[in-house]
C-alpha atoms as a PDB file:
ATOM      1  CA  MET A   1      57.630 -13.338 -68.727  1.00  0.00           C
ATOM      2  CA  ALA A   2      54.315 -14.683 -67.668  1.00  0.00           C
ATOM      3  CA  GLU A   3      54.340 -17.914 -66.481  1.00  0.00           C
ATOM      4  CA  PRO A   4      52.470 -20.693 -68.032  1.00  0.00           C
ATOM      5  CA  ALA A   5      48.505 -20.844 -67.297  1.00  0.00           C
ATOM      6  CA  SER A   6      49.166 -24.301 -65.426  1.00  0.00           C
ATOM      7  CA  LYS A   7      51.835 -22.669 -63.094  1.00  0.00           C
ATOM      8  CA  ASN A   8      49.449 -19.798 -62.179  1.00  0.00           C
ATOM      9  CA  PRO A   9      47.612 -20.261 -59.076  1.00  0.00           C
ATOM     10  CA  LYS A  10      44.025 -21.429 -59.500  1.00  0.00           C
ATOM     11  CA  LEU A  11      41.200 -19.576 -57.194  1.00  0.00           C
ATOM     12  CA  ASP A  12      39.604 -22.392 -55.105  1.00  0.00           C
ATOM     13  CA  LEU A  13      35.967 -22.511 -56.552  1.00  0.00           C
ATOM     14  CA  SER A  14      35.361 -26.189 -55.028  1.00  0.00           C
ATOM     15  CA  GLN A  15      32.175 -25.003 -53.282  1.00  0.00           C
ATOM     16  CA  ASN A  16      30.633 -23.143 -55.946  1.00  0.00           C
ATOM     17  CA  LYS A  17      27.311 -25.202 -56.165  1.00  0.00           C
ATOM     18  CA  ALA A  18      27.549 -26.276 -59.590  1.00  0.00           C
ATOM     19  CA  ASN A  19      31.015 -27.779 -58.967  1.00  0.00           C
ATOM     20  CA  VAL A  20      29.651 -29.588 -55.849  1.00  0.00           C
ATOM     21  CA  MET A  21      26.804 -31.159 -57.943  1.00  0.00           C
ATOM     22  CA  LEU A  22      29.127 -32.376 -60.632  1.00  0.00           C
ATOM     23  CA  GLN A  23      31.751 -33.597 -57.813  1.00  0.00           C
ATOM     24  CA  LYS A  24      29.004 -35.778 -56.451  1.00  0.00           C
ATOM     25  CA  ALA A  25      28.240 -36.815 -59.807  1.00  0.00           C
ATOM     26  CA  ALA A  26      31.635 -38.036 -60.510  1.00  0.00           C
ATOM     27  CA  GLU A  27      31.586 -39.868 -57.202  1.00  0.00           C
ATOM     28  CA  GLY A  28      28.301 -41.393 -57.623  1.00  0.00           C
ATOM     29  CA  LYS A  29      28.540 -42.699 -61.285  1.00  0.00           C
ATOM     30  CA  TYR A  30      25.634 -40.531 -62.582  1.00  0.00           C
ATOM     31  CA  GLY A  31      25.182 -37.626 -65.272  1.00  0.00           C
ATOM     32  CA  ILE A  32      23.098 -34.282 -64.200  1.00  0.00           C
ATOM     33  CA  ALA A  33      20.963 -32.939 -67.066  1.00  0.00           C
ATOM     34  CA  GLY A  34      21.888 -29.305 -68.367  1.00  0.00           C
ATOM     35  CA  VAL A  35      18.710 -28.484 -69.805  1.00  0.00           C
ATOM     36  CA  CYS A  36      18.552 -25.920 -72.367  1.00  0.00           C
ATOM     37  CA  VAL A  37      15.605 -23.659 -72.160  1.00  0.00           C
ATOM     38  CA  TYR A  38      14.355 -21.041 -73.975  1.00  0.00           C
ATOM     39  CA  ASN A  39      11.498 -19.429 -71.966  1.00  0.00           C
ATOM     40  CA  LEU A  40       9.794 -19.317 -68.731  1.00  0.00           C
ATOM     41  CA  GLU A  41       7.826 -22.539 -69.613  1.00  0.00           C
ATOM     42  CA  GLY A  42      11.375 -24.433 -69.828  1.00  0.00           C
ATOM     43  CA  ILE A  43      12.461 -22.822 -66.477  1.00  0.00           C
ATOM     44  CA  LEU A  44       9.467 -24.387 -64.794  1.00  0.00           C
ATOM     45  CA  ALA A  45       9.476 -27.600 -66.441  1.00  0.00           C
ATOM     46  CA  THR A  46      13.202 -28.299 -65.424  1.00  0.00           C
ATOM     47  CA  VAL A  47      12.290 -27.380 -61.839  1.00  0.00           C
ATOM     48  CA  ARG A  48       8.927 -29.401 -61.381  1.00  0.00           C
ATOM     49  CA  ALA A  49      11.119 -32.405 -62.993  1.00  0.00           C
ATOM     50  CA  ALA A  50      13.824 -31.903 -60.753  1.00  0.00           C
ATOM     51  CA  THR A  51      11.613 -31.709 -57.714  1.00  0.00           C
ATOM     52  CA  ALA A  52       9.552 -34.593 -58.802  1.00  0.00           C
ATOM     53  CA  LYS A  53      12.415 -36.769 -59.390  1.00  0.00           C
ATOM     54  CA  ARG A  54      14.368 -35.515 -56.404  1.00  0.00           C
ATOM     55  CA  SER A  55      17.164 -34.668 -58.767  1.00  0.00           C
ATOM     56  CA  PRO A  56      19.718 -32.244 -59.300  1.00  0.00           C
ATOM     57  CA  ALA A  57      19.689 -29.955 -62.539  1.00  0.00           C
ATOM     58  CA  MET A  58      21.271 -27.474 -64.537  1.00  0.00           C
ATOM     59  CA  ILE A  59      18.867 -24.647 -66.246  1.00  0.00           C
ATOM     60  CA  LEU A  60      20.971 -23.657 -69.515  1.00  0.00           C
ATOM     61  CA  LEU A  61      20.637 -20.479 -71.147  1.00  0.00           C
ATOM     62  CA  PHE A  62      21.935 -19.263 -74.538  1.00  0.00           C
ATOM     63  CA  PRO A  63      23.352 -15.729 -75.205  1.00  0.00           C
ATOM     64  CA  TRP A  64      20.220 -15.506 -77.257  1.00  0.00           C
ATOM     65  CA  ALA A  65      18.558 -14.844 -73.886  1.00  0.00           C
ATOM     66  CA  GLN A  66      20.693 -11.758 -73.296  1.00  0.00           C
ATOM     67  CA  SER A  67      19.587 -10.524 -76.723  1.00  0.00           C
ATOM     68  CA  TYR A  68      16.096 -11.335 -76.370  1.00  0.00           C
ATOM     69  CA  SER A  69      15.544 -10.217 -72.893  1.00  0.00           C
ATOM     70  CA  SER A  70      18.255  -8.596 -71.639  1.00  0.00           C
ATOM     71  CA  THR A  71      18.777 -10.331 -67.929  1.00  0.00           C
ATOM     72  CA  LEU A  72      14.991 -10.878 -67.554  1.00  0.00           C
ATOM     73  CA  LEU A  73      15.108 -14.635 -68.441  1.00  0.00           C
ATOM     74  CA  ALA A  74      18.542 -14.693 -66.621  1.00  0.00           C
ATOM     75  CA  GLN A  75      16.904 -13.216 -63.252  1.00  0.00           C
ATOM     76  CA  ALA A  76      13.764 -15.681 -63.784  1.00  0.00           C
ATOM     77  CA  ALA A  77      16.012 -18.735 -63.765  1.00  0.00           C
ATOM     78  CA  ALA A  78      18.022 -17.928 -61.188  1.00  0.00           C
ATOM     79  CA  THR A  79      15.188 -16.947 -58.752  1.00  0.00           C
ATOM     80  CA  ALA A  80      13.765 -20.627 -59.688  1.00  0.00           C
ATOM     81  CA  ALA A  81      16.992 -22.465 -59.219  1.00  0.00           C
ATOM     82  CA  ARG A  82      17.841 -20.636 -55.791  1.00  0.00           C
ATOM     83  CA  SER A  83      14.023 -21.384 -54.310  1.00  0.00           C
ATOM     84  CA  ALA A  84      13.912 -24.750 -55.748  1.00  0.00           C
ATOM     85  CA  PRO A  85      13.753 -27.699 -52.961  1.00  0.00           C
ATOM     86  CA  VAL A  86      16.703 -29.664 -54.784  1.00  0.00           C
ATOM     87  CA  PRO A  87      20.123 -28.296 -56.123  1.00  0.00           C
ATOM     88  CA  ILE A  88      19.686 -26.450 -59.419  1.00  0.00           C
ATOM     89  CA  THR A  89      21.911 -24.208 -60.914  1.00  0.00           C
ATOM     90  CA  LEU A  90      22.024 -21.725 -63.837  1.00  0.00           C
ATOM     91  CA  HIS A  91      24.322 -21.987 -66.666  1.00  0.00           C
ATOM     92  CA  LEU A  92      25.247 -19.840 -69.986  1.00  0.00           C
ATOM     93  CA  ASP A  93      26.103 -22.132 -72.730  1.00  0.00           C
ATOM     94  CA  HIS A  94      28.190 -21.451 -75.867  1.00  0.00           C
ATOM     95  CA  ALA A  95      29.012 -17.968 -75.012  1.00  0.00           C
ATOM     96  CA  GLN A  96      30.690 -17.012 -78.023  1.00  0.00           C
ATOM     97  CA  SER A  97      31.988 -13.463 -77.309  1.00  0.00           C
ATOM     98  CA  PRO A  98      33.751 -11.712 -74.505  1.00  0.00           C
ATOM     99  CA  GLU A  99      30.914  -9.059 -74.483  1.00  0.00           C
ATOM    100  CA  ALA A 100      28.297 -11.701 -73.701  1.00  0.00           C
ATOM    101  CA  ILE A 101      30.553 -13.336 -70.910  1.00  0.00           C
ATOM    102  CA  HIS A 102      31.322 -10.037 -69.415  1.00  0.00           C
ATOM    103  CA  ILE A 103      27.550  -9.155 -69.302  1.00  0.00           C
ATOM    104  CA  ALA A 104      26.505 -12.681 -67.784  1.00  0.00           C
ATOM    105  CA  ALA A 105      29.170 -12.792 -65.259  1.00  0.00           C
ATOM    106  CA  ASP A 106      28.524  -9.131 -64.451  1.00  0.00           C
ATOM    107  CA  THR A 107      24.659  -9.977 -63.517  1.00  0.00           C
ATOM    108  CA  GLY A 108      25.332 -12.567 -60.411  1.00  0.00           C
ATOM    109  CA  PHE A 109      22.817 -14.835 -61.691  1.00  0.00           C
ATOM    110  CA  TYR A 110      24.965 -17.479 -63.281  1.00  0.00           C
ATOM    111  CA  ASP A 111      26.830 -20.252 -61.322  1.00  0.00           C
ATOM    112  CA  SER A 112      28.793 -21.363 -64.665  1.00  0.00           C
ATOM    113  CA  ILE A 113      29.788 -20.031 -68.039  1.00  0.00           C
ATOM    114  CA  MET A 114      30.797 -21.911 -71.193  1.00  0.00           C
ATOM    115  CA  VAL A 115      33.573 -19.764 -72.685  1.00  0.00           C
ATOM    116  CA  ASP A 116      33.023 -21.139 -76.684  1.00  0.00           C
ATOM    117  CA  MET A 117      35.754 -19.698 -78.432  1.00  0.00           C
ATOM    118  CA  SER A 118      35.944 -22.743 -80.857  1.00  0.00           C
ATOM    119  CA  HIS A 119      35.280 -20.556 -83.968  1.00  0.00           C
ATOM    120  CA  TYR A 120      38.720 -18.796 -83.470  1.00  0.00           C
ATOM    121  CA  ASP A 121      41.926 -20.566 -84.659  1.00  0.00           C
ATOM    122  CA  LYS A 122      43.536 -22.662 -81.997  1.00  0.00           C
ATOM    123  CA  ALA A 123      45.962 -20.193 -80.610  1.00  0.00           C
ATOM    124  CA  GLU A 124      43.511 -17.195 -80.136  1.00  0.00           C
ATOM    125  CA  ASN A 125      40.757 -19.773 -78.940  1.00  0.00           C
ATOM    126  CA  LEU A 126      43.392 -20.536 -75.807  1.00  0.00           C
ATOM    127  CA  ALA A 127      44.440 -17.043 -75.280  1.00  0.00           C
ATOM    128  CA  LYS A 128      40.757 -15.771 -75.012  1.00  0.00           C
ATOM    129  CA  THR A 129      39.778 -18.895 -72.898  1.00  0.00           C
ATOM    130  CA  LYS A 130      42.406 -18.398 -70.284  1.00  0.00           C
ATOM    131  CA  GLU A 131      41.708 -14.466 -70.240  1.00  0.00           C
ATOM    132  CA  LEU A 132      37.908 -14.886 -69.991  1.00  0.00           C
ATOM    133  CA  VAL A 133      37.992 -17.922 -67.427  1.00  0.00           C
ATOM    134  CA  ALA A 134      40.153 -15.652 -65.216  1.00  0.00           C
ATOM    135  CA  TYR A 135      37.648 -12.888 -65.204  1.00  0.00           C
ATOM    136  CA  CYS A 136      34.802 -15.428 -64.560  1.00  0.00           C
ATOM    137  CA  HIS A 137      36.943 -17.080 -61.640  1.00  0.00           C
ATOM    138  CA  GLU A 138      37.343 -13.861 -60.078  1.00  0.00           C
ATOM    139  CA  LYS A 139      33.502 -13.485 -59.555  1.00  0.00           C
ATOM    140  CA  GLY A 140      33.063 -16.884 -58.247  1.00  0.00           C
ATOM    141  CA  ILE A 141      31.704 -18.495 -61.404  1.00  0.00           C
ATOM    142  CA  VAL A 142      33.074 -21.872 -62.881  1.00  0.00           C
ATOM    143  CA  CYS A 143      33.982 -22.189 -66.464  1.00  0.00           C
ATOM    144  CA  GLU A 144      33.437 -24.647 -69.151  1.00  0.00           C
ATOM    145  CA  ALA A 145      35.195 -25.105 -72.659  1.00  0.00           C
ATOM    146  CA  GLU A 146      35.170 -27.168 -75.798  1.00  0.00           C
ATOM    147  CA  PRO A 147      38.620 -28.315 -77.123  1.00  0.00           C
ATOM    148  CA  GLY A 148      38.366 -29.134 -80.542  1.00  0.00           C
ATOM    149  CA  ARG A 149      35.077 -28.430 -82.062  1.00  0.00           C
ATOM    150  CA  ILE A 150      31.488 -30.359 -81.823  1.00  0.00           C
ATOM    151  CA  GLN A 151      29.974 -30.410 -85.318  1.00  0.00           C
ATOM    152  CA  GLY A 152      26.558 -28.884 -86.040  1.00  0.00           C
ATOM    153  CA  GLY A 153      24.709 -26.128 -84.727  1.00  0.00           C
ATOM    154  CA  GLU A 154      21.944 -25.268 -81.987  1.00  0.00           C
ATOM    155  CA  ASP A 155      19.117 -22.902 -82.526  1.00  0.00           C
ATOM    156  CA  GLY A 156      20.260 -19.695 -80.597  1.00  0.00           C
ATOM    157  CA  VAL A 157      23.919 -20.124 -81.056  1.00  0.00           C
ATOM    158  CA  ALA A 158      25.771 -18.440 -83.950  1.00  0.00           C
ATOM    159  CA  ASP A 159      28.769 -19.484 -85.958  1.00  0.00           C
ATOM    160  CA  THR A 160      28.958 -23.277 -85.395  1.00  0.00           C
ATOM    161  CA  ALA A 161      26.928 -25.033 -87.920  1.00  0.00           C
ATOM    162  CA  ASP A 162      28.893 -24.347 -90.992  1.00  0.00           C
ATOM    163  CA  LEU A 163      32.168 -25.349 -89.043  1.00  0.00           C
ATOM    164  CA  GLU A 164      34.209 -28.508 -89.632  1.00  0.00           C
ATOM    165  CA  ALA A 165      34.227 -30.654 -86.564  1.00  0.00           C
ATOM    166  CA  ILE A 166      37.624 -31.129 -84.802  1.00  0.00           C
ATOM    167  CA  MET A 167      37.926 -34.329 -82.578  1.00  0.00           C
ATOM    168  CA  THR A 168      39.182 -33.766 -79.372  1.00  0.00           C
ATOM    169  CA  THR A 169      42.656 -35.188 -78.564  1.00  0.00           C
ATOM    170  CA  PRO A 170      44.152 -35.829 -74.905  1.00  0.00           C
ATOM    171  CA  GLU A 171      46.983 -33.244 -75.720  1.00  0.00           C
ATOM    172  CA  GLU A 172      44.522 -30.805 -76.606  1.00  0.00           C
ATOM    173  CA  ALA A 173      42.702 -31.551 -73.730  1.00  0.00           C
ATOM    174  CA  ARG A 174      45.783 -30.799 -71.483  1.00  0.00           C
ATOM    175  CA  GLU A 175      46.221 -27.208 -73.170  1.00  0.00           C
ATOM    176  CA  PHE A 176      42.768 -26.234 -72.511  1.00  0.00           C
ATOM    177  CA  VAL A 177      42.802 -27.377 -68.647  1.00  0.00           C
ATOM    178  CA  ASP A 178      45.790 -25.343 -68.483  1.00  0.00           C
ATOM    179  CA  THR A 179      44.124 -22.129 -69.485  1.00  0.00           C
ATOM    180  CA  GLY A 180      42.376 -22.754 -65.956  1.00  0.00           C
ATOM    181  CA  ILE A 181      38.831 -24.247 -67.074  1.00  0.00           C
ATOM    182  CA  ASP A 182      36.913 -26.072 -64.648  1.00  0.00           C
ATOM    183  CA  TRP A 183      34.826 -28.268 -67.054  1.00  0.00           C
ATOM    184  CA  LEU A 184      35.631 -29.716 -70.565  1.00  0.00           C
ATOM    185  CA  ALA A 185      33.440 -30.902 -73.173  1.00  0.00           C
ATOM    186  CA  PRO A 186      35.069 -32.795 -75.587  1.00  0.00           C
ATOM    187  CA  ALA A 187      34.332 -33.653 -79.153  1.00  0.00           C
ATOM    188  CA  PHE A 188      34.281 -37.417 -80.113  1.00  0.00           C
ATOM    189  CA  GLY A 189      31.705 -37.952 -82.523  1.00  0.00           C
ATOM    190  CA  ASN A 190      29.034 -36.099 -80.954  1.00  0.00           C
ATOM    191  CA  VAL A 191      27.110 -33.619 -82.975  1.00  0.00           C
ATOM    192  CA  HIS A 192      24.957 -30.413 -82.141  1.00  0.00           C
ATOM    193  CA  GLY A 193      21.487 -31.075 -83.447  1.00  0.00           C
ATOM    194  CA  SER A 194      20.064 -34.020 -85.399  1.00  0.00           C
ATOM    195  CA  TYR A 195      22.490 -37.034 -86.353  1.00  0.00           C
ATOM    196  CA  GLY A 196      20.819 -37.598 -89.491  1.00  0.00           C
ATOM    197  CA  ALA A 197      21.187 -40.630 -91.602  1.00  0.00           C
ATOM    198  CA  ARG A 198      24.956 -41.171 -90.391  1.00  0.00           C
ATOM    199  CA  GLY A 199      23.291 -42.152 -86.953  1.00  0.00           C
ATOM    200  CA  ILE A 200      25.219 -41.781 -83.791  1.00  0.00           C
ATOM    201  CA  GLN A 201      29.046 -42.818 -84.102  1.00  0.00           C
ATOM    202  CA  LEU A 202      30.902 -41.840 -81.070  1.00  0.00           C
ATOM    203  CA  GLU A 203      34.498 -42.567 -80.445  1.00  0.00           C
ATOM    204  CA  TYR A 204      34.138 -44.135 -76.885  1.00  0.00           C
ATOM    205  CA  GLU A 205      38.075 -44.930 -76.732  1.00  0.00           C
ATOM    206  CA  ARG A 206      38.830 -41.227 -77.603  1.00  0.00           C
ATOM    207  CA  LEU A 207      36.322 -40.271 -74.651  1.00  0.00           C
ATOM    208  CA  HIS A 208      38.624 -42.654 -72.409  1.00  0.00           C
ATOM    209  CA  ALA A 209      41.772 -41.536 -73.402  1.00  0.00           C
ATOM    210  CA  VAL A 210      40.778 -37.717 -72.686  1.00  0.00           C
ATOM    211  CA  ASN A 211      39.455 -38.709 -69.281  1.00  0.00           C
ATOM    212  CA  GLU A 212      42.378 -40.453 -68.510  1.00  0.00           C
ATOM    213  CA  ALA A 213      44.434 -37.317 -69.543  1.00  0.00           C
ATOM    214  CA  VAL A 214      42.598 -34.723 -67.553  1.00  0.00           C
ATOM    215  CA  GLY A 215      39.732 -35.998 -65.734  1.00  0.00           C
ATOM    216  CA  LYS A 216      41.198 -35.869 -62.469  1.00  0.00           C
ATOM    217  CA  GLU A 217      41.101 -32.167 -62.840  1.00  0.00           C
ATOM    218  CA  VAL A 218      37.815 -31.086 -64.640  1.00  0.00           C
ATOM    219  CA  ARG A 219      34.649 -32.300 -65.048  1.00  0.00           C
ATOM    220  CA  MET A 220      33.539 -33.819 -68.257  1.00  0.00           C
ATOM    221  CA  VAL A 221      30.689 -32.518 -70.221  1.00  0.00           C
ATOM    222  CA  LEU A 222      28.461 -33.870 -73.011  1.00  0.00           C
ATOM    223  CA  HIS A 223      27.059 -31.837 -75.767  1.00  0.00           C
ATOM    224  CA  GLY A 224      24.988 -33.138 -78.829  1.00  0.00           C
ATOM    225  CA  THR A 225      22.780 -35.993 -77.218  1.00  0.00           C
ATOM    226  CA  ASP A 226      19.820 -35.728 -79.551  1.00  0.00           C
ATOM    227  CA  GLY A 227      18.607 -39.618 -79.705  1.00  0.00           C
ATOM    228  CA  PHE A 228      20.628 -40.904 -77.014  1.00  0.00           C
ATOM    229  CA  ASP A 229      19.373 -43.623 -74.820  1.00  0.00           C
ATOM    230  CA  GLU A 230      20.181 -45.175 -71.384  1.00  0.00           C
ATOM    231  CA  ARG A 231      22.983 -47.597 -73.012  1.00  0.00           C
ATOM    232  CA  ILE A 232      24.547 -44.584 -74.592  1.00  0.00           C
ATOM    233  CA  TYR A 233      24.194 -42.350 -71.879  1.00  0.00           C
ATOM    234  CA  GLY A 234      25.770 -44.966 -69.487  1.00  0.00           C
ATOM    235  CA  LYS A 235      28.775 -45.578 -71.643  1.00  0.00           C
ATOM    236  CA  CYS A 236      29.693 -41.660 -71.728  1.00  0.00           C
ATOM    237  CA  ILE A 237      29.201 -41.798 -67.923  1.00  0.00           C
ATOM    238  CA  GLU A 238      31.511 -44.782 -67.892  1.00  0.00           C
ATOM    239  CA  GLY A 239      34.046 -42.352 -69.873  1.00  0.00           C
ATOM    240  CA  GLY A 240      33.781 -39.660 -67.219  1.00  0.00           C
ATOM    241  CA  ILE A 241      30.656 -37.608 -68.246  1.00  0.00           C
ATOM    242  CA  THR A 242      29.125 -35.860 -65.499  1.00  0.00           C
ATOM    243  CA  LYS A 243      27.254 -33.080 -67.066  1.00  0.00           C
ATOM    244  CA  VAL A 244      25.039 -33.948 -69.885  1.00  0.00           C
ATOM    245  CA  ASN A 245      23.290 -31.119 -72.103  1.00  0.00           C
ATOM    246  CA  ILE A 246      19.767 -31.912 -73.429  1.00  0.00           C
ATOM    247  CA  ASN A 247      17.793 -29.723 -75.765  1.00  0.00           C
ATOM    248  CA  GLY A 248      15.812 -31.291 -78.756  1.00  0.00           C
ATOM    249  CA  VAL A 249      14.390 -34.010 -76.744  1.00  0.00           C
ATOM    250  CA  LEU A 250      12.047 -31.562 -74.793  1.00  0.00           C
ATOM    251  CA  ASN A 251      11.886 -28.600 -77.154  1.00  0.00           C
ATOM    252  CA  LYS A 252      10.649 -30.596 -79.958  1.00  0.00           C
ATOM    253  CA  ARG A 253       7.752 -31.839 -77.623  1.00  0.00           C
ATOM    254  CA  TYR A 254       7.359 -28.521 -76.853  1.00  0.00           C
ATOM    255  CA  LEU A 255       7.155 -27.311 -80.789  1.00  0.00           C
ATOM    256  CA  LYS A 256       4.687 -30.008 -81.294  1.00  0.00           C
ATOM    257  CA  VAL A 257       2.059 -28.564 -78.723  1.00  0.00           C
ATOM    258  CA  GLN A 258       2.649 -25.178 -80.289  1.00  0.00           C
ATOM    259  CA  ARG A 259       1.489 -26.558 -83.571  1.00  0.00           C
ATOM    260  CA  GLU A 260      -1.656 -28.244 -82.423  1.00  0.00           C
ATOM    261  CA  ALA A 261      -4.648 -26.987 -83.471  1.00  0.00           C
ATOM    262  CA  GLY A 262      -7.609 -25.536 -81.125  1.00  0.00           C
ATOM    263  CA  LEU A 263      -5.681 -25.057 -78.045  1.00  0.00           C
ATOM    264  CA  GLY A 264      -5.918 -21.561 -75.930  1.00  0.00           C
ATOM    265  CA  VAL A 265      -2.835 -19.243 -74.848  1.00  0.00           C
ATOM    266  CA  SER A 266      -3.015 -20.499 -71.222  1.00  0.00           C
ATOM    267  CA  GLU A 267      -3.487 -24.336 -72.482  1.00  0.00           C
ATOM    268  CA  THR A 268      -0.857 -24.342 -74.867  1.00  0.00           C
ATOM    269  CA  ILE A 269       1.654 -22.747 -72.122  1.00  0.00           C
ATOM    270  CA  GLU A 270       0.533 -25.377 -69.242  1.00  0.00           C
ATOM    271  CA  ARG A 271       0.888 -28.313 -71.796  1.00  0.00           C
ATOM    272  CA  GLY A 272       3.875 -27.393 -73.296  1.00  0.00           C
ATOM    273  CA  THR A 273       5.281 -27.189 -69.566  1.00  0.00           C
ATOM    274  CA  SER A 274       3.935 -30.410 -68.927  1.00  0.00           C
ATOM    275  CA  VAL A 275       5.369 -32.448 -71.913  1.00  0.00           C
ATOM    276  CA  MET A 276       8.897 -30.752 -71.379  1.00  0.00           C
ATOM    277  CA  GLN A 277       8.865 -31.847 -67.682  1.00  0.00           C
ATOM    278  CA  GLU A 278       8.206 -35.262 -68.877  1.00  0.00           C
ATOM    279  CA  ALA A 279      10.856 -35.369 -71.113  1.00  0.00           C
ATOM    280  CA  ILE A 280      13.250 -33.659 -68.459  1.00  0.00           C
ATOM    281  CA  GLU A 281      12.037 -36.726 -66.226  1.00  0.00           C
ATOM    282  CA  GLU A 282      12.539 -39.471 -68.704  1.00  0.00           C
ATOM    283  CA  CYS A 283      16.377 -37.992 -69.186  1.00  0.00           C
ATOM    284  CA  MET A 284      17.010 -37.913 -65.306  1.00  0.00           C
ATOM    285  CA  ASP A 285      15.814 -41.758 -64.914  1.00  0.00           C
ATOM    286  CA  MET A 286      18.468 -42.507 -67.853  1.00  0.00           C
ATOM    287  CA  LEU A 287      21.184 -40.488 -66.709  1.00  0.00           C
ATOM    288  CA  GLY A 288      20.608 -42.148 -62.963  1.00  0.00           C
ATOM    289  CA  SER A 289      20.250 -38.713 -61.167  1.00  0.00           C
ATOM    290  CA  SER A 290      16.849 -39.513 -59.985  1.00  0.00           C
ATOM    291  CA  GLY A 291      16.799 -39.569 -56.271  1.00  0.00           C
ATOM    292  CA  ARG A 292      20.239 -38.155 -55.662  1.00  0.00           C
ATOM    293  CA  ALA A 293      19.027 -34.925 -54.569  1.00  0.00           C
END
């Protein structure tokens, strides 16, 4: 009989670039922006913002990038990250199938991958997560997973918007840590996409309880940050969060530029890149990562 995951030896990925960045963030009590990008403009905006603010950063692609461009966007992002004058890594977010994870891991472009099996029932979620984490670890890639289920959906992520939210418990967090994951994205009232009329209602006590249970073994990740301000970010960082995914705050500004009349193609691209850079820089200031590179 196979030993429990918690008994199996775990590969030492402490020197993985993304792990090093988040370890420093945990020690320094700040957050690192994981910037969800869809195009070259988003990649450039992230690198330029990180360089201007002397901040570490992570470029996040969704599996949509693979179906849309094969490996082209990932290759561009990896090249930009590795040639930047500040620490930047490449992450595949919400990878929802073994096939997508295998494809990404085999490219050699990604420093980290989110193994998102949250659309399966709990037992299958845990089993698939353990198997896929092992596959990624063998290639030197660190892994993130989502215990429970964060409500809502994001552009480029399938099979989440209509599923019911399931809050993360310390016990469930422990089960996921035992699969071998490196980063944990808890559900504590956070929502993918817009918070709507309900507004932002986070259960900070739940976040602290999860962090108390497993925070010494994994880094904590925050999803669903649309509309967050410096005070909310600060409370999440106090609860152990080190990686903070940002999406709407920059991409809404990009879409607004796209809809403006009278701009030429090159001017639209340049203006779109500029407004996204401004949004990312604002987030870096709020997360406390500016000047940390």
